[in-house]
């Protein structure tokens, strides 16, 4: 069927006015993949909104570069998932993913730079290529896993791809050496009472001077008042797994370290709020925590770890802003206190961690423990409370998928303005000459993947061209688009 001006008009109205949302349609049930998909939709919406905000070409190119990097990152994990779990269409889907990154995205960047592609056409290309084709295929492999009884609900972090659902690491001699390093701050080869006290403080474990003295006495075999490596290994491997009636025990300390070194950090269902934007942010924080935990096994340098903490800090700052808007927008009574906790955590705690890591009075394992107790159990625990408040009050928050959604309501749809129509004209008038030639209209329809023959182009020009000059000026486009 031949393309009409009505179809072109509807397409532009959709691109300019309708928010891009993931919804349930493109959820796979694989937490890592779904959190990545959510980020792709955020990128698409950012590009769409950039047009309204009159962003420069350089700003748009930066967003495109970020999207390209993210797609490469996401596609590598997606390929691993399909291969690991035996999806029959893995090879073909992986080729499509690689082709999209290497050919399509690069082509779009080049075309944007030389003016033969408009950001609106990029949004359309992303919706048809990434969303309707690539992500739709992701839903197919998720269905394959479901049909074959393959559980994928545990794949939350990139590290999960290299282990199984019930994976728990085992303590090795290297882990025990790492445990000793955590406590022996000055590298002197023994653990002093002061170093043990600092450890427990950093792990948020309450311990009195009497507790410290008792713990030292229980482990100190040679009576020198400190604990050497062999003494720590002996007490850690032979300690009771039960708590002491007198206070913190070596068994409890051993359990903390075993969990930190060996148990993957996963979000699970416990910390899901039912607010897609928040859940996507929470999932990323768990990935950060697991990155830091794995960094210890991977022997990352102090500088690399501090860089990861800095990224976490920047991410948390962005999250505070988003969470604050949500709580205020929907009238959560505990909003002020929760935002104060978030802000304090970002400004004070994380900055404090960076400094302590740099000067050696904090170990990455202690950061992991602090993130699990402060960020996860406390702050995210509060997230579950406000999610329950919204549910109890019948407040629907399931449509909040992108930061842009915070400035509109559930059923929001923009209305076309004169500015939108001018933007539409700019999309087609490539050379800025003030008229749309047959060649420019043909390029538009080609970029929008709308099949149009030379006869179609001639007909469309004739229908809009009121003065008979063979081209379409701004007034003529407005007339035909509104008719």
Protein backbone atom coordinates (compact mmCIF):
# COMPACT_ATOMS: atom_id res chain seq x y z
CA UNK A 1 0.00 0.00 0.00
CA UNK A 2 1.35 3.44 -0.97
CA UNK A 3 2.60 5.77 1.76
CA UNK A 4 0.35 8.76 2.53
CA UNK A 5 0.85 12.15 4.19
CA UNK A 6 -1.46 10.97 6.97
CA UNK A 7 0.95 8.12 7.79
CA UNK A 8 3.93 10.49 7.72
CA UNK A 9 2.05 12.93 9.98
CA UNK A 10 1.12 10.18 12.47
CA UNK A 11 4.67 8.92 12.53
CA UNK A 12 6.07 12.36 13.39
CA UNK A 13 3.38 12.98 16.00
CA UNK A 14 4.32 9.67 17.61
CA UNK A 15 8.05 10.46 17.59
CA UNK A 16 7.58 13.97 18.96
CA UNK A 17 4.81 13.39 21.47
CA UNK A 18 4.72 9.84 22.84
CA UNK A 19 7.16 8.82 25.62
CA UNK A 20 9.27 5.75 24.88
CA UNK A 21 8.56 3.14 27.55
CA UNK A 22 9.56 -0.47 28.01
CA UNK A 23 6.42 -1.71 29.77
CA UNK A 24 5.93 -5.44 30.30
CA UNK A 25 6.15 -6.25 26.60
CA UNK A 26 9.94 -6.32 26.47
CA UNK A 27 10.72 -7.85 29.87
CA UNK A 28 12.58 -11.13 29.66
CA UNK A 29 12.54 -12.19 33.32
CA UNK A 30 16.36 -12.15 33.32
CA UNK A 31 17.21 -9.38 35.82
CA UNK A 32 20.55 -8.43 34.22
CA UNK A 33 19.06 -8.23 30.73
CA UNK A 34 15.98 -6.32 31.90
CA UNK A 35 18.07 -3.74 33.75
CA UNK A 36 20.12 -3.26 30.57
CA UNK A 37 17.01 -2.97 28.43
CA UNK A 38 15.64 -0.33 30.79
CA UNK A 39 18.83 1.69 30.25
CA UNK A 40 18.45 1.44 26.46
CA UNK A 41 14.93 2.86 26.72
CA UNK A 42 16.30 5.69 28.87
CA UNK A 43 18.85 6.46 26.14
CA UNK A 44 16.13 6.54 23.48
CA UNK A 45 14.01 8.89 25.57
CA UNK A 46 17.03 11.12 26.22
CA UNK A 47 17.60 11.51 22.47
CA UNK A 48 13.91 12.21 21.88
CA UNK A 49 13.85 14.83 24.63
CA UNK A 50 17.11 16.36 23.37
CA UNK A 51 15.23 17.58 20.31
CA UNK A 52 12.77 19.56 22.45
CA UNK A 53 15.61 20.91 24.59
CA UNK A 54 17.44 22.13 21.48
CA UNK A 55 20.63 20.27 22.36
CA UNK A 56 23.65 20.89 20.15
CA UNK A 57 24.90 18.33 17.67
CA UNK A 58 27.94 17.75 19.91
CA UNK A 59 25.68 16.89 22.88
CA UNK A 60 23.67 14.48 20.76
CA UNK A 61 26.86 12.85 19.47
CA UNK A 62 28.02 12.35 23.07
CA UNK A 63 24.74 10.60 23.90
CA UNK A 64 25.11 8.42 20.80
CA UNK A 65 28.67 7.50 21.83
CA UNK A 66 27.42 6.51 25.29
CA UNK A 67 24.67 4.42 23.69
CA UNK A 68 27.22 2.72 21.45
CA UNK A 69 29.48 1.88 24.40
CA UNK A 70 26.54 0.60 26.41
CA UNK A 71 25.23 -1.58 23.56
CA UNK A 72 28.66 -3.17 23.14
CA UNK A 73 28.76 -3.82 26.89
CA UNK A 74 25.21 -5.24 26.95
CA UNK A 75 25.55 -7.35 23.82
CA UNK A 76 28.68 -9.12 25.15
CA UNK A 77 26.73 -10.28 28.22
CA UNK A 78 23.69 -11.20 26.19
CA UNK A 79 25.80 -13.38 23.92
CA UNK A 80 27.27 -15.15 26.98
CA UNK A 81 23.80 -15.79 28.42
CA UNK A 82 22.49 -17.35 25.21
CA UNK A 83 25.59 -19.51 24.77
CA UNK A 84 25.76 -20.55 28.44
CA UNK A 85 22.14 -21.69 28.51
CA UNK A 86 22.09 -23.30 25.04
CA UNK A 87 19.73 -21.06 23.05
CA UNK A 88 19.58 -22.52 19.48
CA UNK A 89 19.43 -19.08 17.84
CA UNK A 90 22.44 -17.74 19.76
CA UNK A 91 24.83 -17.43 16.79
CA UNK A 92 22.37 -15.63 14.53
CA UNK A 93 21.25 -13.26 17.28
CA UNK A 94 24.84 -12.49 18.23
CA UNK A 95 25.65 -11.65 14.58
CA UNK A 96 22.69 -9.26 14.54
CA UNK A 97 23.91 -7.59 17.73
CA UNK A 98 27.48 -7.19 16.43
CA UNK A 99 26.23 -5.91 13.07
CA UNK A 100 24.03 -3.33 14.77
CA UNK A 101 26.90 -1.97 16.87
CA UNK A 102 29.55 -2.03 14.13
CA UNK A 103 27.44 -0.91 11.19
CA UNK A 104 24.20 0.78 12.20
CA UNK A 105 25.37 2.88 15.16
CA UNK A 106 28.55 3.97 13.37
CA UNK A 107 26.52 4.82 10.29
CA UNK A 108 24.09 6.88 12.36
CA UNK A 109 26.91 8.85 14.01
CA UNK A 110 28.44 9.61 10.62
CA UNK A 111 25.09 10.59 9.12
CA UNK A 112 24.26 12.81 12.11
CA UNK A 113 27.61 14.54 11.77
CA UNK A 114 27.19 15.29 8.07
CA UNK A 115 23.54 16.31 8.31
CA UNK A 116 21.96 13.45 6.36
CA UNK A 117 20.24 12.09 9.48
CA UNK A 118 18.10 13.92 12.04
CA UNK A 119 17.82 12.91 15.75
CA UNK A 120 14.13 12.12 15.22
CA UNK A 121 15.14 9.60 12.58
CA UNK A 122 17.59 8.09 15.06
CA UNK A 123 14.76 7.70 17.61
CA UNK A 124 12.67 6.00 14.94
CA UNK A 125 15.60 3.78 13.97
CA UNK A 126 16.19 2.80 17.59
CA UNK A 127 12.50 1.99 18.07
CA UNK A 128 12.33 -0.15 14.94
CA UNK A 129 15.81 -1.71 15.01
CA UNK A 130 16.69 -2.04 18.70
CA UNK A 131 13.24 -2.31 20.24
CA UNK A 132 11.01 -3.99 17.66
CA UNK A 133 13.73 -6.27 16.23
CA UNK A 134 16.59 -6.90 18.67
CA UNK A 135 14.81 -6.64 22.03
CA UNK A 136 11.81 -8.51 20.60
CA UNK A 137 14.22 -11.37 19.79
CA UNK A 138 15.45 -11.24 23.38
CA UNK A 139 11.88 -11.92 24.51
CA UNK A 140 11.91 -15.00 22.25
CA UNK A 141 14.99 -16.52 23.87
CA UNK A 142 13.51 -15.77 27.28
CA UNK A 143 10.41 -17.69 26.20
CA UNK A 144 12.65 -20.56 25.04
CA UNK A 145 14.25 -20.71 28.49
CA UNK A 146 10.82 -20.67 30.17
CA UNK A 147 9.45 -23.41 27.87
CA UNK A 148 12.47 -25.60 28.63
CA UNK A 149 12.35 -25.07 32.39
CA UNK A 150 15.62 -23.13 32.48
CA UNK A 151 15.68 -20.80 35.49
CA UNK A 152 17.26 -17.44 34.61
CA UNK A 153 15.89 -15.36 37.49
CA UNK A 154 19.23 -15.52 39.35
CA UNK A 155 21.30 -13.81 36.62
CA UNK A 156 21.62 -10.36 38.17
CA UNK A 157 25.25 -9.33 37.72
CA UNK A 158 27.89 -9.88 35.01
CA UNK A 159 29.77 -12.17 37.42
CA UNK A 160 26.78 -14.55 37.54
CA UNK A 161 27.53 -15.54 33.94
CA UNK A 162 30.68 -17.35 35.09
CA UNK A 163 28.97 -19.34 37.84
CA UNK A 164 25.79 -21.26 38.52
CA UNK A 165 22.53 -20.48 40.29
CA UNK A 166 23.55 -21.96 43.65
CA UNK A 167 27.17 -20.84 43.46
CA UNK A 168 28.94 -20.13 46.73
CA UNK A 169 32.71 -19.75 46.61
CA UNK A 170 34.97 -21.74 48.87
CA UNK A 171 37.59 -20.23 51.15
CA UNK A 172 41.12 -20.74 49.88
CA UNK A 173 44.50 -20.07 51.51
CA UNK A 174 44.56 -16.88 49.42
CA UNK A 175 41.24 -15.80 50.98
CA UNK A 176 42.65 -16.35 54.46
CA UNK A 177 45.71 -14.29 53.56
CA UNK A 178 43.35 -11.57 52.33
CA UNK A 179 41.49 -11.74 55.62
CA UNK A 180 44.77 -11.22 57.47
CA UNK A 181 45.63 -8.21 55.26
CA UNK A 182 42.28 -6.61 56.11
CA UNK A 183 43.15 -6.60 59.81
CA UNK A 184 46.92 -6.08 59.71
CA UNK A 185 46.76 -2.41 58.66
CA UNK A 186 50.41 -1.53 59.07
CA UNK A 187 51.68 -4.71 57.41
CA UNK A 188 53.77 -5.54 60.48
CA UNK A 189 52.85 -9.22 60.40
CA UNK A 190 50.69 -9.17 63.53
CA UNK A 191 47.25 -7.87 64.51
CA UNK A 192 47.23 -5.49 67.46
CA UNK A 193 44.22 -4.83 69.71
CA UNK A 194 43.85 -1.42 67.98
CA UNK A 195 43.78 -3.02 64.53
CA UNK A 196 41.18 -5.57 65.61
CA UNK A 197 39.06 -2.77 67.15
CA UNK A 198 39.25 -0.78 63.87
CA UNK A 199 38.18 -3.85 61.88
CA UNK A 200 35.06 -4.43 63.97
CA UNK A 201 34.20 -0.73 63.88
CA UNK A 202 34.48 -0.70 60.07
CA UNK A 203 32.29 -3.81 59.88
CA UNK A 204 29.63 -2.09 62.05
CA UNK A 205 30.12 -4.76 64.74
CA UNK A 206 29.81 -3.45 68.28
CA UNK A 207 32.75 -4.47 70.46
CA UNK A 208 33.82 -3.11 73.84
CA UNK A 209 37.41 -2.92 75.07
CA UNK A 210 36.63 -6.07 77.06
CA UNK A 211 35.48 -7.83 73.86
CA UNK A 212 38.72 -6.90 72.09
CA UNK A 213 40.84 -8.11 75.01
CA UNK A 214 38.92 -11.40 75.12
CA UNK A 215 39.22 -12.00 71.35
CA UNK A 216 42.97 -11.29 71.43
CA UNK A 217 43.42 -13.67 74.38
CA UNK A 218 41.46 -16.47 72.66
CA UNK A 219 43.67 -16.30 69.54
CA UNK A 220 47.06 -15.34 71.01
CA UNK A 221 48.89 -18.65 71.51
CA UNK A 222 52.38 -17.26 72.24
CA UNK A 223 51.17 -14.64 74.71
CA UNK A 224 52.76 -11.60 73.01
CA UNK A 225 49.49 -9.67 73.11
CA UNK A 226 49.00 -9.69 69.32
CA UNK A 227 47.81 -12.19 66.70
CA UNK A 228 50.14 -13.44 63.95
CA UNK A 229 49.05 -15.07 60.68
CA UNK A 230 49.14 -18.68 61.90
CA UNK A 231 47.24 -17.76 65.07
CA UNK A 232 44.52 -16.04 63.01
CA UNK A 233 44.21 -19.04 60.68
CA UNK A 234 43.93 -21.39 63.65
CA UNK A 235 41.21 -19.39 65.39
CA UNK A 236 39.30 -18.70 62.15
CA UNK A 237 39.27 -22.34 61.01
CA UNK A 238 38.57 -23.84 64.44
CA UNK A 239 36.22 -21.22 65.85
CA UNK A 240 32.68 -22.07 66.89
CA UNK A 241 30.03 -21.02 64.39
CA UNK A 242 27.78 -19.88 67.19
CA UNK A 243 27.81 -16.47 68.82
CA UNK A 244 29.43 -15.93 72.18
CA UNK A 245 27.31 -15.07 75.19
CA UNK A 246 30.08 -12.68 76.18
CA UNK A 247 29.82 -10.66 72.94
CA UNK A 248 31.16 -10.96 69.39
CA UNK A 249 32.89 -14.28 68.74
CA UNK A 250 35.56 -15.44 66.30
CA UNK A 251 32.89 -17.69 64.80
CA UNK A 252 30.80 -14.64 63.87
CA UNK A 253 33.82 -12.80 62.49
CA UNK A 254 34.69 -15.88 60.43
CA UNK A 255 31.14 -16.06 59.06
CA UNK A 256 31.23 -12.39 58.04
CA UNK A 257 34.44 -12.90 56.08
CA UNK A 258 33.23 -16.12 54.48
CA UNK A 259 30.10 -14.32 53.28
CA UNK A 260 32.05 -11.31 52.01
CA UNK A 261 34.60 -13.43 50.15
CA UNK A 262 32.40 -16.21 48.86
CA UNK A 263 28.71 -15.27 48.58
CA UNK A 264 27.54 -13.37 45.48
CA UNK A 265 25.68 -10.14 46.24
CA UNK A 266 22.25 -10.36 44.63
CA UNK A 267 19.16 -8.21 44.72
CA UNK A 268 16.57 -10.98 44.39
CA UNK A 269 12.92 -10.12 44.95
CA UNK A 270 13.52 -8.74 48.44
CA UNK A 271 14.52 -5.25 47.29
CA UNK A 272 12.26 -4.86 44.26
CA UNK A 273 9.87 -1.94 44.69
CA UNK A 274 7.68 -2.41 41.63
CA UNK A 275 8.85 1.00 40.36
CA UNK A 276 10.79 0.14 37.18
CA UNK A 277 13.07 3.19 37.34
CA UNK A 278 13.99 2.57 41.00
CA UNK A 279 14.46 -1.17 40.47
CA UNK A 280 16.78 -0.46 37.55
CA UNK A 281 18.84 1.86 39.79
CA UNK A 282 18.89 -0.68 42.63
CA UNK A 283 20.06 -3.40 40.23
CA UNK A 284 22.97 -1.20 39.15
CA UNK A 285 24.00 -0.63 42.76
CA UNK A 286 24.13 -4.39 43.37
CA UNK A 287 26.36 -4.66 40.30
CA UNK A 288 28.66 -2.00 41.80
CA UNK A 289 28.83 -3.93 45.08
CA UNK A 290 29.65 -7.17 43.29
CA UNK A 291 32.27 -5.36 41.17
CA UNK A 292 34.03 -4.20 44.35
CA UNK A 293 33.81 -7.66 45.92
CA UNK A 294 35.23 -9.29 42.81
CA UNK A 295 37.97 -6.68 42.57
CA UNK A 296 39.56 -8.28 45.63
CA UNK A 297 39.76 -11.67 43.91
CA UNK A 298 41.03 -10.00 40.73
CA UNK A 299 43.79 -8.20 42.67
CA UNK A 300 42.80 -4.75 41.44
CA UNK A 301 44.99 -1.85 42.49
CA UNK A 302 43.92 0.68 45.11
CA UNK A 303 43.56 3.28 42.33
CA UNK A 304 41.18 1.04 40.36
CA UNK A 305 39.06 0.45 43.44
CA UNK A 306 38.89 4.15 44.26
CA UNK A 307 37.81 4.80 40.65
CA UNK A 308 34.97 2.28 41.07
CA UNK A 309 33.92 3.96 44.33
CA UNK A 310 33.94 7.34 42.51
CA UNK A 311 31.62 5.91 39.84
CA UNK A 312 29.34 4.59 42.59
CA UNK A 313 29.34 8.06 44.18
CA UNK A 314 28.31 9.76 40.91
CA UNK A 315 25.64 7.13 40.36
CA UNK A 316 24.26 7.59 43.88
CA UNK A 317 24.07 11.37 43.38
CA UNK A 318 21.92 10.84 40.31
CA UNK A 319 19.80 8.27 42.15
CA UNK A 320 19.19 10.66 45.08
CA UNK A 321 17.77 13.24 42.69
CA UNK A 322 15.47 10.72 41.03
CA UNK A 323 14.28 9.11 44.27
CA UNK A 324 13.65 12.53 45.83
CA UNK A 325 11.40 13.53 42.93
CA UNK A 326 9.40 10.30 43.16
CA UNK A 327 8.80 10.55 46.92
CA UNK A 328 7.84 14.23 46.67
CA UNK A 329 5.67 13.72 43.57
CA UNK A 330 3.54 11.06 45.27
CA UNK A 331 3.48 12.54 48.78
CA UNK A 332 5.40 9.92 50.78
CA UNK A 333 5.28 11.08 54.46
CA UNK A 334 8.86 9.96 55.19
CA UNK A 335 10.31 11.67 52.12
CA UNK A 336 12.39 14.33 53.91
CA UNK A 337 14.06 11.88 56.31
CA UNK A 338 14.79 9.36 53.57
CA UNK A 339 16.29 11.97 51.25
CA UNK A 340 18.41 13.27 54.11
CA UNK A 341 19.74 9.74 54.67
CA UNK A 342 20.49 9.33 50.96
CA UNK A 343 22.24 12.68 50.71
CA UNK A 344 24.26 12.05 53.86
CA UNK A 345 25.30 8.62 52.59
CA UNK A 346 26.47 10.03 49.27
CA UNK A 347 28.21 13.14 50.55
CA UNK A 348 29.66 11.88 53.81
CA UNK A 349 29.98 8.11 53.79
CA UNK A 350 31.25 7.48 50.26
CA UNK A 351 33.66 10.44 50.40
CA UNK A 352 34.91 9.09 53.73
CA UNK A 353 35.43 5.66 52.16
CA UNK A 354 37.50 7.07 49.30
CA UNK A 355 39.79 8.87 51.74
CA UNK A 356 40.13 5.85 54.04
CA UNK A 357 40.84 3.51 51.12
CA UNK A 358 43.51 5.92 49.92
CA UNK A 359 45.28 6.10 53.30
CA UNK A 360 44.91 2.40 54.12
CA UNK A 361 42.54 2.50 57.11
CA UNK A 362 39.73 0.85 55.14
CA UNK A 363 39.81 -2.37 53.11
CA UNK A 364 37.55 -3.09 50.09
CA UNK A 365 35.94 -6.00 51.96
CA UNK A 366 34.88 -3.54 54.65
CA UNK A 367 33.37 -1.31 51.95
CA UNK A 368 31.35 -4.29 50.70
CA UNK A 369 30.11 -5.01 54.22
CA UNK A 370 29.21 -1.34 54.73
CA UNK A 371 27.35 -1.23 51.41
CA UNK A 372 25.42 -4.36 52.37
CA UNK A 373 24.47 -3.01 55.81
CA UNK A 374 24.08 0.71 55.05
CA UNK A 375 23.05 0.93 51.42
CA UNK A 376 21.16 -2.35 51.07
CA UNK A 377 19.68 -3.24 54.46
CA UNK A 378 18.99 0.33 55.57
CA UNK A 379 18.43 2.60 52.56
CA UNK A 380 16.95 0.03 50.17
CA UNK A 381 14.96 -1.36 53.09
CA UNK A 382 13.32 2.08 53.32
CA UNK A 383 12.61 1.81 49.59
CA UNK A 384 10.46 -1.22 50.30
CA UNK A 385 8.52 0.84 52.86
CA UNK A 386 7.61 3.63 50.47
CA UNK A 387 6.74 1.09 47.77
CA UNK A 388 4.32 -0.53 50.23
CA UNK A 389 2.91 2.90 51.11
CA UNK A 390 2.16 3.58 47.44
CA UNK A 391 0.56 0.13 47.07
CA UNK A 392 -1.58 0.58 50.19
CA UNK A 393 -2.76 3.97 48.92
CA UNK A 394 -3.53 2.61 45.46
CA UNK A 395 -0.91 4.85 43.82
CA UNK A 396 0.20 3.33 40.49
CA UNK A 397 3.97 3.74 40.03
CA UNK A 398 4.49 0.92 37.51
CA UNK A 399 4.77 3.39 34.61
CA UNK A 400 7.79 5.27 36.00
CA UNK A 401 10.52 3.99 33.69
CA UNK A 402 12.66 6.97 32.73
CA UNK A 403 13.80 10.15 34.51
CA UNK A 404 11.61 12.13 32.09
CA UNK A 405 8.52 10.38 33.48
CA UNK A 406 9.01 12.27 36.75
CA UNK A 407 7.92 15.50 35.04
CA UNK A 408 4.68 14.09 33.62
CA UNK A 409 1.77 11.85 34.55
CA UNK A 410 0.88 8.27 33.66
CA UNK A 411 -1.22 9.04 30.58
CA UNK A 412 0.97 11.90 29.39
CA UNK A 413 1.11 12.62 25.66
CA UNK A 414 2.55 15.82 24.28
CA UNK A 415 0.53 17.95 21.91
CA UNK A 416 1.96 19.09 18.60
CA UNK A 417 2.92 22.75 18.65
CA UNK A 418 4.08 25.11 15.91
CA UNK A 419 7.63 24.43 17.17
CA UNK A 420 7.07 20.70 16.56
CA UNK A 421 5.93 21.40 13.01
CA UNK A 422 9.01 23.57 12.45
CA UNK A 423 11.13 20.70 13.75
CA UNK A 424 9.38 18.36 11.33
CA UNK A 425 10.24 20.72 8.48
CA UNK A 426 13.90 20.83 9.57
CA UNK A 427 14.05 17.03 9.49
CA UNK A 428 13.14 17.03 5.80
CA UNK A 429 14.79 20.25 4.61
CA UNK A 430 18.36 18.95 4.79
CA UNK A 431 20.13 21.83 3.08
CA UNK A 432 18.18 24.53 4.95
CA UNK A 433 17.08 26.06 1.67
CA UNK A 434 13.53 26.65 2.83
CA UNK A 435 11.91 24.02 0.62
CA UNK A 436 11.70 20.23 0.48
CA UNK A 437 12.87 18.72 -2.76
CA UNK A 438 11.87 15.28 -4.09
CA UNK A 439 15.38 14.05 -3.21
CA UNK A 440 15.04 15.29 0.38
CA UNK A 441 11.62 13.68 0.79
CA UNK A 442 13.01 10.43 -0.62
CA UNK A 443 15.91 10.51 1.87
CA UNK A 444 13.47 11.04 4.75
CA UNK A 445 11.33 8.05 3.80
CA UNK A 446 14.43 5.92 3.27
CA UNK A 447 15.78 6.88 6.74
CA UNK A 448 12.41 6.00 8.26
CA UNK A 449 12.46 2.57 6.55
CA UNK A 450 9.31 3.45 4.61
CA UNK A 451 9.36 1.93 1.17
CA UNK A 452 8.57 4.66 -1.38
CA UNK A 453 8.97 4.45 -5.14
CA UNK A 454 9.75 7.41 -7.40
CA UNK A 455 6.05 7.46 -8.25
CA UNK A 456 5.17 7.72 -4.54
CA UNK A 457 7.57 10.66 -4.11
CA UNK A 458 6.15 12.44 -7.16
CA UNK A 459 2.59 11.92 -5.89
CA UNK A 460 3.37 13.17 -2.38
CA UNK A 461 5.10 16.27 -3.78
CA UNK A 462 2.16 16.98 -6.10
CA UNK A 463 -0.37 16.61 -3.24
CA UNK A 464 1.45 19.18 -1.09
CA UNK A 465 2.86 21.57 -3.74
CA UNK A 466 0.30 24.37 -4.01
CA UNK A 467 2.35 26.83 -6.11
CA UNK A 468 3.52 24.21 -8.60
CA UNK A 469 7.29 24.85 -8.24
CA UNK A 470 7.99 21.13 -7.75
CA UNK A 471 9.05 21.52 -4.10
CA UNK A 472 7.29 21.95 -0.73
CA UNK A 473 7.78 25.10 1.34
CA UNK A 474 7.05 25.46 5.07
CA UNK A 475 3.48 26.73 4.60
CA UNK A 476 2.65 23.92 2.20
CA UNK A 477 4.02 21.28 4.60
CA UNK A 478 1.99 22.70 7.50
CA UNK A 479 -1.15 22.68 5.36
CA UNK A 480 -0.74 19.07 4.22
CA UNK A 481 0.27 17.84 7.69
CA UNK A 482 -2.74 19.48 9.34
CA UNK A 483 -5.23 18.49 6.67
